[in-house]
C-alpha atoms as a PDB file:
ATOM      1  CA  MET A   1     117.505 110.832-179.197  1.00  0.00           C
ATOM      2  CA  LEU A   2     119.443 109.027-176.483  1.00  0.00           C
ATOM      3  CA  SER A   3     119.591 111.850-173.954  1.00  0.00           C
ATOM      4  CA  GLU A   4     115.908 112.689-174.418  1.00  0.00           C
ATOM      5  CA  ALA A   5     114.957 109.039-173.937  1.00  0.00           C
ATOM      6  CA  LEU A   6     117.026 108.739-170.752  1.00  0.00           C
ATOM      7  CA  ASP A   7     115.585 111.965-169.378  1.00  0.00           C
ATOM      8  CA  GLY A   8     112.119 110.648-170.177  1.00  0.00           C
ATOM      9  CA  LEU A   9     112.720 107.501-168.152  1.00  0.00           C
ATOM     10  CA  ASN A  10     113.544 109.645-165.097  1.00  0.00           C
ATOM     11  CA  ILE A  11     115.915 106.925-163.918  1.00  0.00           C
ATOM     12  CA  ARG A  12     116.289 106.277-160.197  1.00  0.00           C
ATOM     13  CA  PRO A  13     119.530 104.471-159.222  1.00  0.00           C
ATOM     14  CA  GLU A  14     117.661 101.725-157.368  1.00  0.00           C
ATOM     15  CA  GLY A  15     114.890 101.326-159.959  1.00  0.00           C
ATOM     16  CA  THR A  16     113.959  98.486-162.311  1.00  0.00           C
ATOM     17  CA  TYR A  17     113.834  99.291-166.028  1.00  0.00           C
ATOM     18  CA  VAL A  18     113.174  97.486-169.285  1.00  0.00           C
ATOM     19  CA  ASP A  19     114.742  98.084-172.697  1.00  0.00           C
ATOM     20  CA  THR A  20     112.413  96.212-175.046  1.00  0.00           C
ATOM     21  CA  THR A  21     114.588  96.759-178.140  1.00  0.00           C
ATOM     22  CA  PHE A  22     118.194  95.984-177.163  1.00  0.00           C
ATOM     23  CA  GLY A  23     119.711  96.028-180.676  1.00  0.00           C
ATOM     24  CA  GLY A  24     123.367  96.979-180.377  1.00  0.00           C
ATOM     25  CA  GLY A  25     122.966  97.785-176.692  1.00  0.00           C
ATOM     26  CA  GLY A  26     123.448 101.550-176.821  1.00  0.00           C
ATOM     27  CA  HIS A  27     120.366 102.446-174.802  1.00  0.00           C
ATOM     28  CA  SER A  28     120.897  99.609-172.338  1.00  0.00           C
ATOM     29  CA  ARG A  29     124.488 100.618-171.699  1.00  0.00           C
ATOM     30  CA  ALA A  30     123.432 104.222-171.028  1.00  0.00           C
ATOM     31  CA  ILE A  31     120.680 103.102-168.633  1.00  0.00           C
ATOM     32  CA  LEU A  32     123.090 100.880-166.711  1.00  0.00           C
ATOM     33  CA  GLU A  33     125.470 103.825-166.295  1.00  0.00           C
ATOM     34  CA  ARG A  34     122.706 105.663-164.417  1.00  0.00           C
ATOM     35  CA  LEU A  35     121.750 102.735-162.193  1.00  0.00           C
ATOM     36  CA  GLY A  36     123.268 102.026-158.800  1.00  0.00           C
ATOM     37  CA  PRO A  37     124.180  98.616-157.309  1.00  0.00           C
ATOM     38  CA  ASP A  38     120.550  97.986-156.345  1.00  0.00           C
ATOM     39  CA  GLY A  39     119.207  98.873-159.794  1.00  0.00           C
ATOM     40  CA  ARG A  40     118.096  96.386-162.409  1.00  0.00           C
ATOM     41  CA  LEU A  41     117.770  96.400-166.189  1.00  0.00           C
ATOM     42  CA  VAL A  42     116.044  93.736-168.269  1.00  0.00           C
ATOM     43  CA  ALA A  43     116.506  93.894-172.050  1.00  0.00           C
ATOM     44  CA  PHE A  44     114.548  92.136-174.798  1.00  0.00           C
ATOM     45  CA  ASP A  45     115.445  91.452-178.416  1.00  0.00           C
ATOM     46  CA  GLN A  46     114.118  88.727-180.705  1.00  0.00           C
ATOM     47  CA  ASP A  47     117.030  89.071-183.139  1.00  0.00           C
ATOM     48  CA  SER A  48     119.710  86.454-182.489  1.00  0.00           C
ATOM     49  CA  ASP A  49     122.360  88.911-183.718  1.00  0.00           C
ATOM     50  CA  ALA A  50     121.763  90.952-180.551  1.00  0.00           C
ATOM     51  CA  VAL A  51     122.946  88.111-178.307  1.00  0.00           C
ATOM     52  CA  GLU A  52     126.657  88.769-178.861  1.00  0.00           C
ATOM     53  CA  CYS A  53     126.314  92.442-177.884  1.00  0.00           C
ATOM     54  CA  ALA A  54     124.281  91.431-174.842  1.00  0.00           C
ATOM     55  CA  ASN A  55     126.940  88.936-173.763  1.00  0.00           C
ATOM     56  CA  VAL A  56     129.595  91.639-173.960  1.00  0.00           C
ATOM     57  CA  LEU A  57     127.512  93.955-171.805  1.00  0.00           C
ATOM     58  CA  MET A  58     126.807  91.217-169.270  1.00  0.00           C
ATOM     59  CA  ARG A  59     130.532  90.529-168.924  1.00  0.00           C
ATOM     60  CA  GLU A  60     131.121  94.208-168.251  1.00  0.00           C
ATOM     61  CA  CYS A  61     128.567  94.274-165.418  1.00  0.00           C
ATOM     62  CA  VAL A  62     130.701  93.770-162.330  1.00  0.00           C
ATOM     63  CA  SER A  63     129.367  91.948-159.291  1.00  0.00           C
ATOM     64  CA  ASP A  64     128.850  95.139-157.264  1.00  0.00           C
ATOM     65  CA  GLY A  65     127.071  96.952-160.119  1.00  0.00           C
ATOM     66  CA  PRO A  66     123.435  96.933-161.275  1.00  0.00           C
ATOM     67  CA  SER A  67     121.801  93.680-162.363  1.00  0.00           C
ATOM     68  CA  PHE A  68     121.445  93.102-166.114  1.00  0.00           C
ATOM     69  CA  THR A  69     119.325  90.378-167.727  1.00  0.00           C
ATOM     70  CA  PHE A  70     118.937  89.743-171.456  1.00  0.00           C
ATOM     71  CA  ILE A  71     115.888  87.925-172.848  1.00  0.00           C
ATOM     72  CA  GLY A  72     116.049  86.827-176.475  1.00  0.00           C
ATOM     73  CA  GLU A  73     112.330  87.064-177.188  1.00  0.00           C
ATOM     74  CA  ASN A  74     109.770  89.348-178.820  1.00  0.00           C
ATOM     75  CA  PHE A  75     108.607  92.132-176.504  1.00  0.00           C
ATOM     76  CA  ARG A  76     105.016  91.023-177.034  1.00  0.00           C
ATOM     77  CA  HIS A  77     105.801  88.417-174.344  1.00  0.00           C
ATOM     78  CA  LEU A  78     106.919  91.145-171.933  1.00  0.00           C
ATOM     79  CA  LYS A  79     104.929  90.240-168.836  1.00  0.00           C
ATOM     80  CA  SER A  80     105.439  86.470-169.054  1.00  0.00           C
ATOM     81  CA  PHE A  81     109.223  86.625-169.315  1.00  0.00           C
ATOM     82  CA  LEU A  82     109.567  89.337-166.685  1.00  0.00           C
ATOM     83  CA  ARG A  83     107.618  87.174-164.241  1.00  0.00           C
ATOM     84  CA  LEU A  84     109.825  84.240-165.159  1.00  0.00           C
ATOM     85  CA  HIS A  85     112.771  86.358-163.996  1.00  0.00           C
ATOM     86  CA  GLY A  86     111.033  87.521-160.835  1.00  0.00           C
ATOM     87  CA  VAL A  87     109.994  90.970-162.066  1.00  0.00           C
ATOM     88  CA  ARG A  88     106.382  92.001-161.445  1.00  0.00           C
ATOM     89  CA  ARG A  89     106.784  95.772-161.357  1.00  0.00           C
ATOM     90  CA  ILE A  90     108.973  98.143-163.331  1.00  0.00           C
ATOM     91  CA  ASP A  91     109.753 101.833-162.958  1.00  0.00           C
ATOM     92  CA  GLY A  92     110.202 102.574-166.636  1.00  0.00           C
ATOM     93  CA  LEU A  93     110.188 101.030-170.099  1.00  0.00           C
ATOM     94  CA  LEU A  94     111.954 102.095-173.292  1.00  0.00           C
ATOM     95  CA  ALA A  95     111.039 100.967-176.813  1.00  0.00           C
ATOM     96  CA  ASP A  96     113.060 102.147-179.814  1.00  0.00           C
ATOM     97  CA  LEU A  97     110.920 100.695-182.584  1.00  0.00           C
ATOM     98  CA  GLY A  98     111.647  99.771-186.169  1.00  0.00           C
ATOM     99  CA  VAL A  99     114.724  98.241-187.746  1.00  0.00           C
ATOM    100  CA  SER A 100     118.155  98.464-186.151  1.00  0.00           C
ATOM    101  CA  SER A 101     121.142  99.851-188.031  1.00  0.00           C
ATOM    102  CA  HIS A 102     122.729  96.408-187.967  1.00  0.00           C
ATOM    103  CA  GLN A 103     119.695  94.827-189.627  1.00  0.00           C
ATOM    104  CA  PHE A 104     119.722  97.462-192.357  1.00  0.00           C
ATOM    105  CA  ASP A 105     123.428  96.926-193.015  1.00  0.00           C
ATOM    106  CA  VAL A 106     123.371  93.125-193.430  1.00  0.00           C
ATOM    107  CA  ALA A 107     122.433  92.387-197.042  1.00  0.00           C
ATOM    108  CA  GLU A 108     121.216  88.823-196.467  1.00  0.00           C
ATOM    109  CA  ARG A 109     118.563  89.985-194.006  1.00  0.00           C
ATOM    110  CA  GLY A 110     116.760  91.794-196.842  1.00  0.00           C
ATOM    111  CA  PHE A 111     115.810  94.900-194.856  1.00  0.00           C
ATOM    112  CA  SER A 112     117.566  97.419-197.058  1.00  0.00           C
ATOM    113  CA  THR A 113     116.699  98.335-200.626  1.00  0.00           C
ATOM    114  CA  ARG A 114     120.359  99.246-201.151  1.00  0.00           C
ATOM    115  CA  PHE A 115     121.592  95.649-201.400  1.00  0.00           C
ATOM    116  CA  ASP A 116     120.805  92.518-203.341  1.00  0.00           C
ATOM    117  CA  GLY A 117     119.958  89.860-200.807  1.00  0.00           C
ATOM    118  CA  GLU A 118     117.510  87.166-199.785  1.00  0.00           C
ATOM    119  CA  LEU A 119     113.970  88.522-199.490  1.00  0.00           C
ATOM    120  CA  ASP A 120     113.694  87.611-195.813  1.00  0.00           C
ATOM    121  CA  LEU A 121     112.687  90.541-193.558  1.00  0.00           C
ATOM    122  CA  ARG A 122     112.277  88.405-190.422  1.00  0.00           C
ATOM    123  CA  MET A 123     113.432  90.122-187.243  1.00  0.00           C
ATOM    124  CA  ASP A 124     113.331  86.747-185.518  1.00  0.00           C
ATOM    125  CA  ARG A 125     114.885  84.220-187.866  1.00  0.00           C
ATOM    126  CA  ARG A 126     113.107  81.432-186.016  1.00  0.00           C
ATOM    127  CA  GLY A 127     109.887  82.628-187.658  1.00  0.00           C
ATOM    128  CA  ASP A 128     108.296  80.437-190.304  1.00  0.00           C
ATOM    129  CA  VAL A 129     107.179  83.057-192.844  1.00  0.00           C
ATOM    130  CA  THR A 130     109.489  85.307-194.863  1.00  0.00           C
ATOM    131  CA  ALA A 131     108.737  88.149-197.251  1.00  0.00           C
ATOM    132  CA  ARG A 132     109.691  85.773-200.065  1.00  0.00           C
ATOM    133  CA  ASP A 133     106.871  83.472-198.967  1.00  0.00           C
ATOM    134  CA  LEU A 134     104.380  86.347-198.961  1.00  0.00           C
ATOM    135  CA  VAL A 135     105.134  87.796-202.387  1.00  0.00           C
ATOM    136  CA  ASN A 136     105.068  84.365-203.995  1.00  0.00           C
ATOM    137  CA  SER A 137     101.929  82.985-202.341  1.00  0.00           C
ATOM    138  CA  LEU A 138      99.423  85.744-201.593  1.00  0.00           C
ATOM    139  CA  ASP A 139      96.844  86.567-204.233  1.00  0.00           C
ATOM    140  CA  GLU A 140      96.594  90.038-205.718  1.00  0.00           C
ATOM    141  CA  GLU A 141      93.879  91.074-203.281  1.00  0.00           C
ATOM    142  CA  GLY A 142      95.904  90.003-200.250  1.00  0.00           C
ATOM    143  CA  LEU A 143      99.061  91.716-201.454  1.00  0.00           C
ATOM    144  CA  ALA A 144      97.221  94.934-202.273  1.00  0.00           C
ATOM    145  CA  ARG A 145      95.661  94.979-198.800  1.00  0.00           C
ATOM    146  CA  ILE A 146      99.057  94.662-197.090  1.00  0.00           C
ATOM    147  CA  LEU A 147     100.716  97.269-199.303  1.00  0.00           C
ATOM    148  CA  LYS A 148      97.888  99.744-198.746  1.00  0.00           C
ATOM    149  CA  LEU A 149      97.395  99.102-195.024  1.00  0.00           C
ATOM    150  CA  TYR A 150     101.011  98.844-193.883  1.00  0.00           C
ATOM    151  CA  GLY A 151     102.891 100.710-196.611  1.00  0.00           C
ATOM    152  CA  GLU A 152     100.248 103.363-197.304  1.00  0.00           C
ATOM    153  CA  LEU A 153     101.163 103.060-200.979  1.00  0.00           C
ATOM    154  CA  PRO A 154      98.857 105.098-203.270  1.00  0.00           C
ATOM    155  CA  ASN A 155      99.330 102.556-206.066  1.00  0.00           C
ATOM    156  CA  ALA A 156      99.117  99.416-203.929  1.00  0.00           C
ATOM    157  CA  ARG A 157      96.811  97.626-206.372  1.00  0.00           C
ATOM    158  CA  GLN A 158      99.076  98.243-209.368  1.00  0.00           C
ATOM    159  CA  MET A 159     102.146  97.089-207.421  1.00  0.00           C
ATOM    160  CA  ALA A 160     100.370  93.940-206.265  1.00  0.00           C
ATOM    161  CA  ARG A 161      99.320  93.175-209.830  1.00  0.00           C
ATOM    162  CA  ALA A 162     102.896  93.683-211.053  1.00  0.00           C
ATOM    163  CA  ILE A 163     104.249  91.323-208.380  1.00  0.00           C
ATOM    164  CA  VAL A 164     101.751  88.599-209.303  1.00  0.00           C
ATOM    165  CA  LYS A 165     102.620  88.967-213.011  1.00  0.00           C
ATOM    166  CA  ALA A 166     106.385  88.848-212.355  1.00  0.00           C
ATOM    167  CA  ARG A 167     106.191  85.718-210.197  1.00  0.00           C
ATOM    168  CA  SER A 168     104.182  83.904-212.864  1.00  0.00           C
ATOM    169  CA  GLU A 169     107.365  83.929-214.928  1.00  0.00           C
ATOM    170  CA  ASN A 170     109.999  83.432-212.222  1.00  0.00           C
ATOM    171  CA  GLU A 171     109.915  83.180-208.440  1.00  0.00           C
ATOM    172  CA  ILE A 172     110.671  86.455-206.667  1.00  0.00           C
ATOM    173  CA  ALA A 173     113.532  85.356-204.426  1.00  0.00           C
ATOM    174  CA  THR A 174     115.678  88.424-203.769  1.00  0.00           C
ATOM    175  CA  THR A 175     115.322  92.116-203.017  1.00  0.00           C
ATOM    176  CA  THR A 176     116.516  92.849-206.562  1.00  0.00           C
ATOM    177  CA  ASP A 177     113.827  90.566-207.994  1.00  0.00           C
ATOM    178  CA  LEU A 178     111.167  92.475-206.077  1.00  0.00           C
ATOM    179  CA  LYS A 179     112.491  95.879-207.099  1.00  0.00           C
ATOM    180  CA  GLU A 180     112.559  94.780-210.729  1.00  0.00           C
ATOM    181  CA  ALA A 181     108.984  93.496-210.490  1.00  0.00           C
ATOM    182  CA  VAL A 182     107.632  96.908-209.440  1.00  0.00           C
ATOM    183  CA  ARG A 183     110.123  99.067-211.343  1.00  0.00           C
ATOM    184  CA  HIS A 184     107.533 100.549-213.707  1.00  0.00           C
ATOM    185  CA  HIS A 185     105.319 101.628-210.778  1.00  0.00           C
ATOM    186  CA  LEU A 186     107.909 103.777-208.994  1.00  0.00           C
ATOM    187  CA  PRO A 187     107.202 107.473-209.682  1.00  0.00           C
ATOM    188  CA  ARG A 188     110.172 109.316-211.118  1.00  0.00           C
ATOM    189  CA  GLY A 189     112.146 111.049-208.376  1.00  0.00           C
ATOM    190  CA  MET A 190     110.312 109.053-205.673  1.00  0.00           C
ATOM    191  CA  GLU A 191     111.730 105.608-206.383  1.00  0.00           C
ATOM    192  CA  ASN A 192     113.470 105.192-203.028  1.00  0.00           C
ATOM    193  CA  LYS A 193     110.458 106.453-201.069  1.00  0.00           C
ATOM    194  CA  TYR A 194     108.067 104.028-202.736  1.00  0.00           C
ATOM    195  CA  LEU A 195     110.478 101.134-202.326  1.00  0.00           C
ATOM    196  CA  ALA A 196     110.851 101.962-198.630  1.00  0.00           C
ATOM    197  CA  MET A 197     107.052 101.932-198.276  1.00  0.00           C
ATOM    198  CA  LEU A 198     106.859  98.587-200.084  1.00  0.00           C
ATOM    199  CA  PHE A 199     109.511  96.961-197.896  1.00  0.00           C
ATOM    200  CA  GLN A 200     107.962  98.469-194.761  1.00  0.00           C
ATOM    201  CA  ALA A 201     104.601  96.914-195.599  1.00  0.00           C
ATOM    202  CA  LEU A 202     106.064  93.446-196.098  1.00  0.00           C
ATOM    203  CA  ARG A 203     108.237  93.729-192.981  1.00  0.00           C
ATOM    204  CA  ILE A 204     105.301  94.718-190.773  1.00  0.00           C
ATOM    205  CA  GLU A 205     103.250  91.783-192.042  1.00  0.00           C
ATOM    206  CA  VAL A 206     106.089  89.260-191.700  1.00  0.00           C
ATOM    207  CA  ASN A 207     106.817  90.278-188.119  1.00  0.00           C
ATOM    208  CA  GLY A 208     103.328  91.172-186.910  1.00  0.00           C
ATOM    209  CA  GLU A 209     104.828  94.429-185.679  1.00  0.00           C
ATOM    210  CA  LEU A 210     101.743  96.503-184.980  1.00  0.00           C
ATOM    211  CA  GLU A 211      99.913  93.819-183.026  1.00  0.00           C
ATOM    212  CA  ALA A 212     103.093  93.114-181.035  1.00  0.00           C
ATOM    213  CA  LEU A 213     103.347  96.830-180.215  1.00  0.00           C
ATOM    214  CA  ARG A 214      99.750  96.927-178.962  1.00  0.00           C
ATOM    215  CA  GLU A 215     100.321  93.864-176.801  1.00  0.00           C
ATOM    216  CA  MET A 216     103.521  95.284-175.322  1.00  0.00           C
ATOM    217  CA  LEU A 217     101.993  98.667-174.474  1.00  0.00           C
ATOM    218  CA  THR A 218      99.013  97.046-172.773  1.00  0.00           C
ATOM    219  CA  GLN A 219     101.284  94.862-170.651  1.00  0.00           C
ATOM    220  CA  ALA A 220     103.605  97.764-169.847  1.00  0.00           C
ATOM    221  CA  LEU A 221     100.708  99.697-168.361  1.00  0.00           C
ATOM    222  CA  ASP A 222      99.957  96.782-166.036  1.00  0.00           C
ATOM    223  CA  LEU A 223     103.601  96.619-164.922  1.00  0.00           C
ATOM    224  CA  LEU A 224     104.122 100.332-164.282  1.00  0.00           C
ATOM    225  CA  PRO A 225     103.174 101.871-160.925  1.00  0.00           C
ATOM    226  CA  GLU A 226     101.777 105.379-160.577  1.00  0.00           C
ATOM    227  CA  GLY A 227     104.556 107.707-161.732  1.00  0.00           C
ATOM    228  CA  GLY A 228     106.215 105.007-163.872  1.00  0.00           C
ATOM    229  CA  ARG A 229     107.485 106.123-167.271  1.00  0.00           C
ATOM    230  CA  LEU A 230     106.857 104.823-170.786  1.00  0.00           C
ATOM    231  CA  VAL A 231     109.272 106.049-173.470  1.00  0.00           C
ATOM    232  CA  VAL A 232     108.709 105.123-177.124  1.00  0.00           C
ATOM    233  CA  ILE A 233     110.589 106.158-180.262  1.00  0.00           C
ATOM    234  CA  SER A 234     108.687 105.423-183.470  1.00  0.00           C
ATOM    235  CA  TYR A 235     109.699 105.797-187.109  1.00  0.00           C
ATOM    236  CA  HIS A 236     106.529 105.833-189.170  1.00  0.00           C
ATOM    237  CA  SER A 237     102.984 107.085-188.834  1.00  0.00           C
ATOM    238  CA  LEU A 238     101.357 103.690-188.267  1.00  0.00           C
ATOM    239  CA  GLU A 239     103.253 102.854-185.095  1.00  0.00           C
ATOM    240  CA  ASP A 240     103.310 106.469-183.899  1.00  0.00           C
ATOM    241  CA  ARG A 241      99.518 106.646-184.210  1.00  0.00           C
ATOM    242  CA  ILE A 242      99.220 103.611-181.948  1.00  0.00           C
ATOM    243  CA  VAL A 243     101.550 105.142-179.358  1.00  0.00           C
ATOM    244  CA  LYS A 244      99.912 108.574-179.563  1.00  0.00           C
ATOM    245  CA  ASN A 245      96.425 107.179-179.050  1.00  0.00           C
ATOM    246  CA  PHE A 246      97.578 104.992-176.189  1.00  0.00           C
ATOM    247  CA  MET A 247      99.270 107.845-174.349  1.00  0.00           C
ATOM    248  CA  ARG A 248      96.276 110.084-174.982  1.00  0.00           C
ATOM    249  CA  SER A 249      93.561 107.713-173.888  1.00  0.00           C
ATOM    250  CA  GLY A 250      94.945 104.413-172.612  1.00  0.00           C
ATOM    251  CA  ASN A 251      93.436 102.626-175.631  1.00  0.00           C
ATOM    252  CA  PHE A 252      94.281 102.330-179.305  1.00  0.00           C
ATOM    253  CA  GLU A 253      91.253 104.115-180.680  1.00  0.00           C
ATOM    254  CA  GLY A 254      92.221 107.391-179.009  1.00  0.00           C
ATOM    255  CA  THR A 255      88.812 107.691-177.338  1.00  0.00           C
ATOM    256  CA  VAL A 256      89.087 109.312-173.922  1.00  0.00           C
ATOM    257  CA  GLU A 257      86.616 107.774-171.510  1.00  0.00           C
ATOM    258  CA  LYS A 258      85.129 110.042-168.847  1.00  0.00           C
ATOM    259  CA  ASP A 259      83.454 109.530-165.502  1.00  0.00           C
ATOM    260  CA  PHE A 260      79.976 110.705-164.527  1.00  0.00           C
ATOM    261  CA  TYR A 261      81.291 114.222-163.903  1.00  0.00           C
ATOM    262  CA  GLY A 262      83.149 114.484-167.181  1.00  0.00           C
ATOM    263  CA  ASN A 263      86.618 113.868-165.754  1.00  0.00           C
ATOM    264  CA  PRO A 264      88.959 111.928-168.076  1.00  0.00           C
ATOM    265  CA  LEU A 265      89.737 108.344-167.042  1.00  0.00           C
ATOM    266  CA  THR A 266      92.957 107.981-169.037  1.00  0.00           C
ATOM    267  CA  PRO A 267      95.686 106.077-167.134  1.00  0.00           C
ATOM    268  CA  VAL A 268      98.558 107.802-168.956  1.00  0.00           C
ATOM    269  CA  ARG A 269      99.631 111.429-169.166  1.00  0.00           C
ATOM    270  CA  GLN A 270     101.808 112.326-172.140  1.00  0.00           C
ATOM    271  CA  LEU A 271     104.724 114.454-170.982  1.00  0.00           C
ATOM    272  CA  VAL A 272     106.802 114.770-174.161  1.00  0.00           C
ATOM    273  CA  SER A 273     106.214 114.556-177.900  1.00  0.00           C
ATOM    274  CA  THR A 274     109.182 115.608-179.998  1.00  0.00           C
ATOM    275  CA  ALA A 275     110.992 114.960-183.267  1.00  0.00           C
ATOM    276  CA  ALA A 276     114.733 114.551-183.669  1.00  0.00           C
ATOM    277  CA  SER A 277     116.773 117.744-183.757  1.00  0.00           C
ATOM    278  CA  GLU A 278     118.363 119.018-186.963  1.00  0.00           C
ATOM    279  CA  ALA A 279     121.780 118.150-185.577  1.00  0.00           C
ATOM    280  CA  GLU A 280     120.750 114.549-184.895  1.00  0.00           C
ATOM    281  CA  VAL A 281     119.222 114.150-188.345  1.00  0.00           C
ATOM    282  CA  ALA A 282     122.436 115.497-189.869  1.00  0.00           C
ATOM    283  CA  ALA A 283     124.428 112.914-187.906  1.00  0.00           C
ATOM    284  CA  ASN A 284     121.983 110.056-188.480  1.00  0.00           C
ATOM    285  CA  ASN A 285     119.674 110.244-191.482  1.00  0.00           C
ATOM    286  CA  ARG A 286     117.468 107.487-190.060  1.00  0.00           C
ATOM    287  CA  ALA A 287     116.403 109.889-187.301  1.00  0.00           C
ATOM    288  CA  ARG A 288     114.607 112.163-189.798  1.00  0.00           C
ATOM    289  CA  SER A 289     111.300 110.347-189.229  1.00  0.00           C
ATOM    290  CA  ALA A 290     111.771 109.614-185.516  1.00  0.00           C
ATOM    291  CA  ARG A 291     109.181 110.747-182.978  1.00  0.00           C
ATOM    292  CA  LEU A 292     109.786 110.360-179.257  1.00  0.00           C
ATOM    293  CA  ARG A 293     106.879 110.227-176.841  1.00  0.00           C
ATOM    294  CA  VAL A 294     107.076 110.013-173.063  1.00  0.00           C
ATOM    295  CA  GLY A 295     104.106 109.019-170.942  1.00  0.00           C
ATOM    296  CA  GLU A 296     103.649 108.764-167.193  1.00  0.00           C
ATOM    297  CA  LYS A 297     101.178 106.426-165.535  1.00  0.00           C
ATOM    298  CA  ILE A 298      98.701 108.308-163.387  1.00  0.00           C
ATOM    299  CA  LYS A 299      96.015 107.345-160.930  1.00  0.00           C
ATOM    300  CA  VAL A 300      92.572 107.005-162.445  1.00  0.00           C
ATOM    301  CA  ASN A 301      89.755 108.269-160.253  1.00  0.00           C
ATOM    302  CA  GLY A 302      86.771 106.287-161.347  1.00  0.00           C
END
């Protein structure tokens, strides 16, 4: 959804933009190509593996081209680090949420159910808590809550019970160990779907993803001027619900506040809500669940 995301940003050559999820640098590179010598791009990524790609892109930015800055931190610290680099207003922000292709493809990161690897799931490997820590320390009630809330698993309680039973015999240390622990609770023909939901739940808890998203969106609204653009690509219903409510109402409950005369007081107007095209899904299976939303900050008359 690269072209749709770039169109949503409505990039001006002299503008200042933020890519909060640098990853392999594809979006950042495309944004830089649309910026002029007075333009500026700041990119965030908490994953240390993104640093090498960022260094390559920085070397390619010639002295008479747009300014590019990479910040190796979680986007929940958006406003603080932008101010540290002298940025107090931005014209647009892009967030391509979820797990990058690189993270999925590295077995030892534990993000993919396809490989046997360490049960890690940290996006920032400086973090203290891994998925291995969670599945071996939380009680059944705590595990069931996470699996139900963040994985939306219909059989969260049974899975949690199976995990607790399996670890009483041997520590659950790898992705294979975890899959084996819940093997009897994977409905026939839906094994991969249920495993993806299980890993999603643990990943969200390990990384505090939903709270980080809320914090970033709130800060982005403060940084954007009237007419500034917010472009978000989400990959599951939990994060998309947060984005949808925020673009609908300016809050995370989705409640539109109104003035005395009944006029809406929402500070954002959603311009685009679209799924990936059939052609893109055919080329990239990960895009099958992607939802792109574009919002524009508007003046609130209150």
